[in-house]
Protein backbone atom coordinates (compact mmCIF):
# COMPACT_ATOMS: atom_id res chain seq x y z
CA MET A 1 0.04 -0.03 0.00
CA LYS A 2 1.34 3.43 -0.92
CA LYS A 3 1.91 5.81 1.91
CA GLU A 4 1.07 9.34 1.76
CA LEU A 5 2.84 12.59 2.52
CA THR A 6 1.79 16.18 2.06
CA LEU A 7 3.43 18.35 -0.62
CA SER A 8 4.84 20.59 2.17
CA GLN A 9 6.54 17.58 3.71
CA LEU A 10 8.08 16.61 0.33
CA ARG A 11 9.28 20.17 -0.19
CA PHE A 12 10.93 20.25 3.17
CA LEU A 13 12.44 16.79 2.58
CA THR A 14 14.04 17.75 -0.60
CA LEU A 15 15.40 21.13 0.64
CA GLU A 16 16.86 19.36 3.76
CA SER A 17 18.46 16.77 1.57
CA GLN A 18 19.97 19.58 -0.53
CA GLY A 19 21.44 21.20 2.54
CA LEU A 20 19.26 24.34 2.24
CA THR A 21 17.32 24.24 5.56
CA LYS A 22 20.39 24.81 7.97
CA THR A 23 23.47 27.02 7.99
CA PHE A 24 26.69 25.04 7.77
CA SER A 25 24.87 21.71 7.51
CA PHE A 26 27.90 20.21 5.86
CA GLY A 27 30.46 21.87 8.13
CA LYS A 28 33.11 24.54 7.03
CA GLY A 29 35.97 24.94 4.71
CA LYS A 30 37.44 22.60 2.03
CA ASP A 31 36.18 19.47 3.72
CA ALA A 32 32.65 20.76 3.63
CA ALA A 33 33.02 21.34 -0.13
CA LEU A 34 33.99 17.76 -0.61
CA LYS A 35 31.04 16.57 1.63
CA VAL A 36 28.68 18.71 -0.39
CA LEU A 37 29.88 17.27 -3.68
CA GLY A 38 29.81 13.66 -2.37
CA HIS A 39 26.26 14.21 -1.04
CA LEU A 40 24.83 15.86 -4.14
CA GLY A 41 26.64 13.49 -6.49
CA TYR A 42 27.84 16.15 -8.96
CA LEU A 43 28.24 19.89 -9.53
CA GLN A 44 27.51 21.36 -12.91
CA ILE A 45 30.43 23.29 -14.35
CA ASP A 46 29.61 26.79 -15.71
CA THR A 47 31.59 28.96 -18.05
CA LEU A 48 29.33 31.96 -17.61
CA SER A 49 30.64 34.66 -15.27
CA ILE A 50 28.02 37.26 -15.13
CA VAL A 51 28.00 36.41 -11.42
CA GLU A 52 30.35 33.89 -9.79
CA ARG A 53 30.25 30.67 -11.70
CA ALA A 54 27.59 28.13 -10.87
CA HIS A 55 29.91 25.44 -9.50
CA HIS A 56 31.21 28.01 -6.96
CA HIS A 57 27.88 29.56 -6.45
CA THR A 58 26.23 26.25 -5.58
CA LEU A 59 28.93 25.56 -2.94
CA TRP A 60 28.68 28.96 -1.50
CA THR A 61 24.96 28.58 -1.02
CA ARG A 62 25.60 25.68 1.25
CA ILE A 63 28.96 26.65 2.81
CA PRO A 64 28.88 30.37 3.79
CA ASP A 65 32.77 30.45 4.33
CA TYR A 66 33.36 28.79 0.92
CA LYS A 67 36.37 29.94 -1.24
CA THR A 68 36.72 29.35 -4.96
CA GLU A 69 40.14 27.74 -4.56
CA TYR A 70 38.68 24.71 -2.70
CA LEU A 71 37.53 23.04 -5.92
CA ASP A 72 40.99 23.39 -7.60
CA ALA A 73 42.61 22.00 -4.43
CA LEU A 74 40.30 19.02 -4.44
CA VAL A 75 41.04 18.28 -8.11
CA GLU A 76 44.81 18.49 -7.38
CA GLU A 77 44.33 16.19 -4.40
CA ARG A 78 42.56 13.72 -6.83
CA LYS A 79 39.47 13.61 -4.58
CA ILE A 80 37.14 14.84 -7.42
CA PHE A 81 37.30 14.74 -11.19
CA GLU A 82 35.65 16.29 -14.21
CA TYR A 83 33.35 14.43 -16.54
CA TRP A 84 29.84 14.31 -17.81
CA PHE A 85 26.77 13.82 -15.64
CA HIS A 86 23.83 15.32 -17.41
CA ALA A 87 26.29 18.14 -18.29
CA ALA A 88 29.91 18.96 -17.71
CA SER A 89 30.34 18.37 -13.97
CA TYR A 90 32.70 17.77 -11.04
CA LEU A 91 32.13 14.34 -9.54
CA PRO A 92 33.47 12.47 -6.52
CA MET A 93 36.52 10.42 -7.49
CA ARG A 94 34.97 7.41 -5.70
CA ASP A 95 32.31 7.33 -8.55
CA PHE A 96 34.85 7.21 -11.43
CA ARG A 97 33.78 3.64 -12.45
CA PHE A 98 30.23 4.93 -13.20
CA ALA A 99 31.61 7.25 -15.87
CA LEU A 100 33.13 4.28 -17.67
CA PRO A 101 30.07 3.22 -19.64
CA LYS A 102 29.88 6.62 -21.30
CA MET A 103 33.57 6.63 -21.95
CA LEU A 104 33.34 3.24 -23.52
CA ALA A 105 30.33 4.33 -25.67
CA VAL A 106 32.26 7.31 -26.91
CA LYS A 107 35.25 5.27 -27.74
CA GLN A 108 33.24 2.78 -29.75
CA SER A 109 31.36 5.48 -31.56
CA SER A 110 32.28 6.19 -35.21
CA ASN A 111 30.04 9.14 -35.66
CA HIS A 112 30.54 11.17 -32.48
CA TYR A 113 30.32 14.96 -32.84
CA TYR A 114 33.87 15.12 -31.72
CA ASN A 115 34.94 13.17 -34.78
CA ALA A 116 38.70 13.67 -34.29
CA ASN A 117 41.39 12.45 -36.82
CA PRO A 118 43.06 9.31 -35.27
CA SER A 119 46.53 10.45 -36.30
CA VAL A 120 45.90 13.79 -34.57
CA MET A 121 44.69 11.93 -31.42
CA GLN A 122 47.78 9.86 -31.45
CA TYR A 123 49.93 12.95 -31.81
CA VAL A 124 48.21 14.54 -28.88
CA LEU A 125 48.67 11.35 -26.68
CA ASP A 126 52.40 11.19 -27.65
CA ALA A 127 53.01 14.82 -26.78
CA ILE A 128 51.37 14.77 -23.36
CA ARG A 129 53.10 11.38 -22.62
CA ALA A 130 56.47 12.93 -23.50
CA GLU A 131 55.96 16.59 -22.17
CA GLY A 132 53.40 16.31 -19.46
CA PRO A 133 49.94 18.02 -19.00
CA LYS A 134 48.86 20.47 -21.72
CA LYS A 135 46.23 23.02 -22.46
CA ALA A 136 44.56 23.20 -25.85
CA ARG A 137 46.44 26.39 -26.67
CA ASP A 138 49.73 24.61 -26.03
CA PHE A 139 49.36 22.78 -29.38
CA GLU A 140 50.46 24.54 -32.46
CA SER A 141 47.99 23.60 -35.28
CA GLU A 142 46.34 25.22 -38.20
CA THR A 143 42.99 26.62 -37.18
CA LYS A 144 39.85 27.95 -38.63
CA ASN A 145 38.13 31.17 -37.49
CA ALA A 146 37.32 31.33 -33.83
CA GLY A 147 33.81 30.29 -32.91
CA SER A 148 31.75 27.19 -31.97
CA TRP A 149 33.29 23.79 -31.43
CA GLY A 150 32.80 23.14 -35.18
CA SER A 151 35.56 25.61 -35.91
CA TRP A 152 37.97 24.29 -33.31
CA LYS A 153 41.46 23.29 -34.48
CA PRO A 154 42.04 19.48 -34.92
CA THR A 155 44.02 19.21 -31.64
CA LYS A 156 41.27 20.70 -29.61
CA ILE A 157 38.81 18.26 -31.05
CA ALA A 158 41.27 15.52 -30.37
CA LEU A 159 41.73 16.52 -26.79
CA GLU A 160 37.97 16.56 -26.13
CA ARG A 161 37.47 13.21 -27.79
CA LEU A 162 40.34 11.64 -25.74
CA PHE A 163 38.86 13.22 -22.65
CA LEU A 164 35.31 11.99 -23.23
CA GLN A 165 36.49 8.47 -24.16
CA GLY A 166 38.60 8.22 -20.93
CA ASP A 167 42.24 8.37 -22.32
CA LEU A 168 42.75 11.75 -20.81
CA MET A 169 41.54 13.40 -17.57
CA ILE A 170 41.53 17.00 -16.51
CA SER A 171 44.40 17.29 -14.04
CA GLY A 172 43.59 20.95 -13.15
CA ARG A 173 42.64 24.33 -14.64
CA SER A 174 44.40 27.55 -15.35
CA GLY A 175 41.52 29.91 -14.98
CA MET A 176 38.83 28.12 -17.08
CA GLN A 177 41.31 26.51 -19.36
CA LYS A 178 41.60 22.75 -18.92
CA MET A 179 44.89 21.01 -18.32
CA TYR A 180 44.81 17.49 -19.93
CA ASP A 181 46.87 14.63 -18.75
CA LEU A 182 46.96 10.88 -19.20
CA THR A 183 44.39 9.05 -17.18
CA GLU A 184 47.07 6.82 -15.68
CA ASN A 185 48.74 9.97 -14.34
CA VAL A 186 45.59 11.28 -12.68
CA LEU A 187 43.49 8.55 -11.54
CA PRO A 188 44.48 7.13 -8.09
CA LYS A 189 45.53 3.48 -8.06
CA SER A 190 43.00 2.77 -5.39
CA ILE A 191 40.03 3.75 -7.52
CA SER A 192 38.11 0.87 -9.13
CA THR A 193 37.89 0.70 -12.90
CA ALA A 194 35.50 -2.17 -13.01
CA ILE A 195 32.77 -1.33 -15.55
CA PRO A 196 29.42 -1.46 -13.82
CA THR A 197 26.67 -3.66 -15.10
CA ASP A 198 23.50 -2.00 -16.45
CA LEU A 199 21.68 -2.73 -13.16
CA GLU A 200 24.69 -1.37 -11.10
CA PHE A 201 24.61 1.76 -13.05
CA ALA A 202 20.84 2.13 -12.64
CA GLU A 203 21.20 1.52 -8.90
CA TYR A 204 23.96 4.22 -8.82
CA LEU A 205 21.64 6.78 -10.39
CA ILE A 206 18.70 5.89 -8.04
CA LYS A 207 20.87 6.23 -4.91
CA THR A 208 22.47 9.45 -6.12
CA TYR A 209 19.13 11.07 -6.59
CA LEU A 210 17.55 9.71 -3.47
CA ASN A 211 20.49 10.92 -1.42
CA ALA A 212 20.59 14.37 -2.94
CA TYR A 213 16.85 15.18 -3.24
CA GLY A 214 15.25 12.89 -0.52
CA PHE A 215 12.71 11.65 -3.05
CA THR A 216 12.79 11.10 -6.76
CA THR A 217 10.80 9.90 -9.78
CA ILE A 218 11.63 7.65 -12.68
CA GLY A 219 11.52 10.74 -14.89
CA GLN A 220 14.23 12.51 -12.90
CA ILE A 221 16.44 9.52 -12.61
CA THR A 222 16.44 9.01 -16.40
CA HIS A 223 16.64 12.68 -17.25
CA LEU A 224 18.63 13.05 -20.49
CA LYS A 225 19.65 9.36 -20.41
CA LYS A 226 18.99 8.12 -23.90
CA GLY A 227 17.32 4.78 -24.73
CA ASP A 228 14.55 2.59 -23.33
CA LEU A 229 17.01 0.20 -21.71
CA ILE A 230 18.00 2.57 -18.99
CA ARG A 231 14.40 3.29 -17.97
CA LYS A 232 13.72 -0.53 -17.85
CA ASN A 233 16.70 -1.07 -15.70
CA VAL A 234 15.82 1.79 -13.36
CA ASP A 235 12.34 0.39 -13.06
CA LYS A 236 13.72 -3.13 -12.37
CA VAL A 237 16.00 -1.89 -9.55
CA LEU A 238 13.30 0.25 -7.97
CA LYS A 239 11.00 -2.84 -7.84
CA SER A 240 13.77 -4.82 -6.25
CA MET A 241 14.42 -2.05 -3.69
CA LEU A 242 10.78 -1.80 -2.91
CA ARG A 243 10.57 -5.62 -2.30
CA ALA A 244 13.73 -5.48 -0.09
CA GLY A 245 12.03 -2.65 1.91
CA THR A 246 14.95 -0.17 1.50
CA ILE A 247 12.75 2.41 -0.27
CA GLU A 248 9.04 3.29 -0.08
CA GLN A 249 6.69 4.45 -2.85
CA VAL A 250 4.77 7.50 -1.69
CA SER A 251 1.71 9.13 -3.11
CA ILE A 252 0.78 12.80 -3.08
CA LYS A 253 -2.67 14.09 -3.82
CA ASN A 254 -3.17 14.82 -7.54
CA MET A 255 0.50 13.98 -8.32
CA PRO A 256 2.38 10.93 -9.47
CA ALA A 257 3.98 8.61 -6.88
CA VAL A 258 7.50 9.24 -5.85
CA PHE A 259 10.16 7.09 -4.25
CA LEU A 260 12.12 7.81 -1.11
CA ASN A 261 14.35 6.03 1.48
CA LYS A 262 12.42 4.20 4.09
CA GLU A 263 14.41 6.00 6.82
CA PHE A 264 12.90 9.38 5.71
CA LEU A 265 9.40 8.30 6.70
CA GLU A 266 10.66 7.85 10.21
CA LYS A 267 12.16 11.41 10.38
CA SER A 268 10.37 14.56 11.47
CA LEU A 269 9.48 16.32 8.28
CA GLN A 270 8.56 19.54 10.08
CA LYS A 271 9.46 23.01 8.81
CA THR A 272 12.21 25.01 10.63
CA ASN A 273 12.68 28.72 10.62
CA PRO A 274 12.71 29.67 6.94
CA ASN A 275 16.17 30.62 5.41
CA ILE A 276 16.52 32.73 2.29
CA HIS A 277 18.74 31.74 -0.59
CA ILE A 278 19.84 33.23 -3.83
CA LEU A 279 20.26 30.25 -6.15
CA SER A 280 22.44 29.66 -9.24
CA PRO A 281 20.47 28.79 -12.36
CA PHE A 282 22.51 25.54 -12.44
CA ASP A 283 22.03 24.77 -8.75
CA ASN A 284 21.21 21.10 -8.16
CA ALA A 285 18.08 22.05 -6.24
CA ILE A 286 16.48 23.59 -9.36
CA ILE A 287 18.27 22.05 -12.35
CA HIS A 288 15.36 19.75 -12.94
CA ARG A 289 12.84 22.39 -14.10
CA ASP A 290 9.84 20.08 -14.42
CA ARG A 291 10.34 18.92 -10.80
CA ILE A 292 10.50 22.46 -9.55
CA LYS A 293 7.39 23.33 -11.44
CA GLN A 294 5.50 20.34 -10.29
CA PHE A 295 6.53 20.34 -6.60
CA PHE A 296 7.30 23.98 -5.82
CA ASP A 297 4.96 25.66 -8.45
CA PHE A 298 7.88 27.74 -9.76
CA ASP A 299 8.23 28.07 -13.48
CA TYR A 300 11.87 28.74 -14.10
CA LYS A 301 13.89 28.93 -17.28
CA ILE A 302 17.40 30.57 -17.74
CA GLU A 303 17.05 33.05 -20.65
CA CYS A 304 20.68 33.89 -21.48
CA TYR A 305 20.47 31.51 -24.37
CA ALA A 306 17.38 33.18 -25.83
CA PRO A 307 17.38 36.25 -28.04
CA LYS A 308 17.11 39.50 -26.09
CA GLU A 309 13.51 40.32 -27.50
CA LYS A 310 12.23 36.89 -26.21
CA ARG A 311 13.49 37.30 -22.61
CA GLN A 312 10.82 37.79 -19.97
CA PHE A 313 13.00 38.23 -16.97
CA GLY A 314 16.48 38.97 -18.16
CA TYR A 315 19.84 37.58 -19.23
CA PHE A 316 20.84 35.85 -15.94
CA CYS A 317 18.00 35.68 -13.38
CA LEU A 318 18.67 34.01 -10.08
CA PRO A 319 15.80 32.38 -8.23
CA ILE A 320 15.11 33.56 -4.70
CA LEU A 321 13.89 30.85 -2.26
CA PHE A 322 12.35 31.80 1.08
CA GLY A 323 11.68 28.72 3.27
CA ASP A 324 10.08 26.30 0.80
CA THR A 325 8.66 29.00 -1.40
CA PHE A 326 10.22 30.67 -4.46
CA ILE A 327 9.17 34.31 -3.86
CA GLY A 328 10.83 35.68 -6.98
CA ARG A 329 14.00 36.07 -9.02
CA MET A 330 16.52 38.79 -9.78
CA ASP A 331 18.40 39.60 -12.88
CA CYS A 332 21.84 40.71 -11.86
CA LYS A 333 25.51 41.31 -12.87
CA ALA A 334 28.79 41.62 -11.01
CA HIS A 335 30.66 44.70 -12.48
CA ARG A 336 33.92 43.53 -10.99
CA LYS A 337 36.13 46.42 -12.23
CA GLU A 338 33.84 48.92 -10.54
CA LYS A 339 33.36 46.43 -7.61
CA THR A 340 29.58 47.00 -8.03
CA PHE A 341 26.93 44.30 -7.83
CA GLU A 342 23.96 45.48 -9.86
CA ILE A 343 20.47 44.00 -9.39
CA ILE A 344 19.25 44.94 -12.83
CA HIS A 345 15.70 43.89 -12.00
CA LEU A 346 14.24 42.41 -8.88
CA TYR A 347 11.05 40.52 -9.50
CA ILE A 348 8.79 39.80 -6.45
CA GLU A 349 6.33 37.07 -7.69
CA ASN A 350 4.80 35.88 -4.40
CA THR A 351 3.25 38.91 -2.84
CA ALA A 352 1.09 36.92 -0.49
CA ILE A 353 4.01 36.51 1.85
CA ASP A 354 4.61 39.71 3.97
CA ILE A 355 7.68 41.39 2.79
CA GLU A 356 8.60 42.22 6.36
CA LEU A 357 9.19 38.51 6.97
CA TRP A 358 12.01 38.27 4.50
CA LYS A 359 13.24 41.71 3.57
CA GLU A 360 15.84 42.05 6.26
CA ALA A 361 17.29 38.52 5.53
CA PHE A 362 17.20 39.25 1.87
CA VAL A 363 19.26 42.42 2.23
CA LYS A 364 21.72 40.59 4.39
CA ILE A 365 22.18 37.72 1.84
CA VAL A 366 22.47 40.08 -1.07
CA LYS A 367 25.31 41.87 0.74
CA SER A 368 27.05 38.51 1.33
CA PHE A 369 26.60 37.44 -2.24
CA ALA A 370 27.96 40.82 -3.47
CA ALA A 371 31.11 40.29 -1.34
CA PHE A 372 31.41 36.75 -2.69
CA ASN A 373 31.44 38.23 -6.14
CA GLY A 374 34.25 40.64 -5.22
CA CYS A 375 31.92 43.62 -5.05
CA ARG A 376 31.85 46.39 -2.42
CA TYR A 377 28.77 48.35 -3.62
CA ILE A 378 25.23 47.31 -4.56
CA LYS A 379 23.04 48.95 -7.04
CA LEU A 380 19.38 48.24 -7.15
CA THR A 381 18.00 49.49 -10.53
CA LYS A 382 14.44 48.33 -10.73
CA VAL A 383 11.87 46.37 -8.83
CA SER A 384 8.57 44.77 -9.77
CA PRO A 385 5.91 45.41 -8.68
CA SER A 386 7.31 48.89 -7.88
CA LYS A 387 4.54 49.60 -5.31
CA LEU A 388 5.68 46.68 -3.25
CA LEU A 389 9.30 47.63 -2.65
CA ARG A 390 10.59 51.03 -3.71
CA VAL A 391 14.33 51.47 -4.20
CA ASP A 392 14.59 53.84 -1.26
CA THR A 393 12.99 51.52 1.20
CA VAL A 394 15.99 49.14 1.24
CA ASN A 395 19.45 49.86 2.55
CA PHE A 396 22.03 48.00 0.69
CA ASP A 397 24.99 49.97 2.02
CA VAL A 398 28.01 47.76 2.70
């Protein structure tokens, strides 16, 4: 028999699992960064720097004393590595073997979009083996005009292909430039390279999502995973876990059933004092847009990839979470040379919640976020609806 939970309880469960209900829930410092990554399963890597990049922003949201050098240090210590989850990501080194199926699929593909020349791939491997880690720009090669990956020089394409098929790993970064090295030089000897079976891989996905979100659905587990086989395997493992009693299937009124760890049913799913968070567009908590729409009634889409005339909220809007409710979003930009953090447009969408309940905490978190972005000044340009919060009612002096 399916058990029932309220929508409010499920919201709290997923936010608690994401580390968003308490301050310093993962501890402090670099060790906390490793704990967050291990708990969430991955961190999406972002090249956009309108505000601090997503992989750093996501950690700062959960670790108030976070410093951006922590991630580089963890890569150098070989505790985390870069590869593909549903997008380019940092992953715990312990999970390396679960990247092997994709690496093998790339290696066996004859029509991959990184269709590198075999002789160039061999040249790249030989050069790195002889001379050590290299960036793409270290290779002298005839190139086309700068632009998308389709115009990359042959050695860059070869590097990416070799990385995706597992012959190379990222040993570190210089800024956002990847340093490529032979996998044998980067992967710790203690890490298993046994290729997981299809069912082991399905179980890894299920446990990753249950751990990070508290509850999950088949749709979320198989998000962006191609083919019917993965869905069948996930369904098979879920049924096995249900029979074993390690997970429960829970129903919510007017919504599809979800799966959660049995232990969560025994926990107190009561709300605590609400925190306020400014989330990255690529934060693990909101990256599954359908889930956020369904369970939090928040319709979010990042618009930096859309033409300017089609943007509703702005180039890089950040969701604002108060307790278990998304009260709005803000389009913002860090003008680092001027040390000014600009809130281009603040949108307050949930006006049913009294502004006095969250205004003071919001001002405090904005100041903290501005400092994290290397800014000393804050500029609030526009607010909607204007009658709710005039510019001169908020003191952002820092």
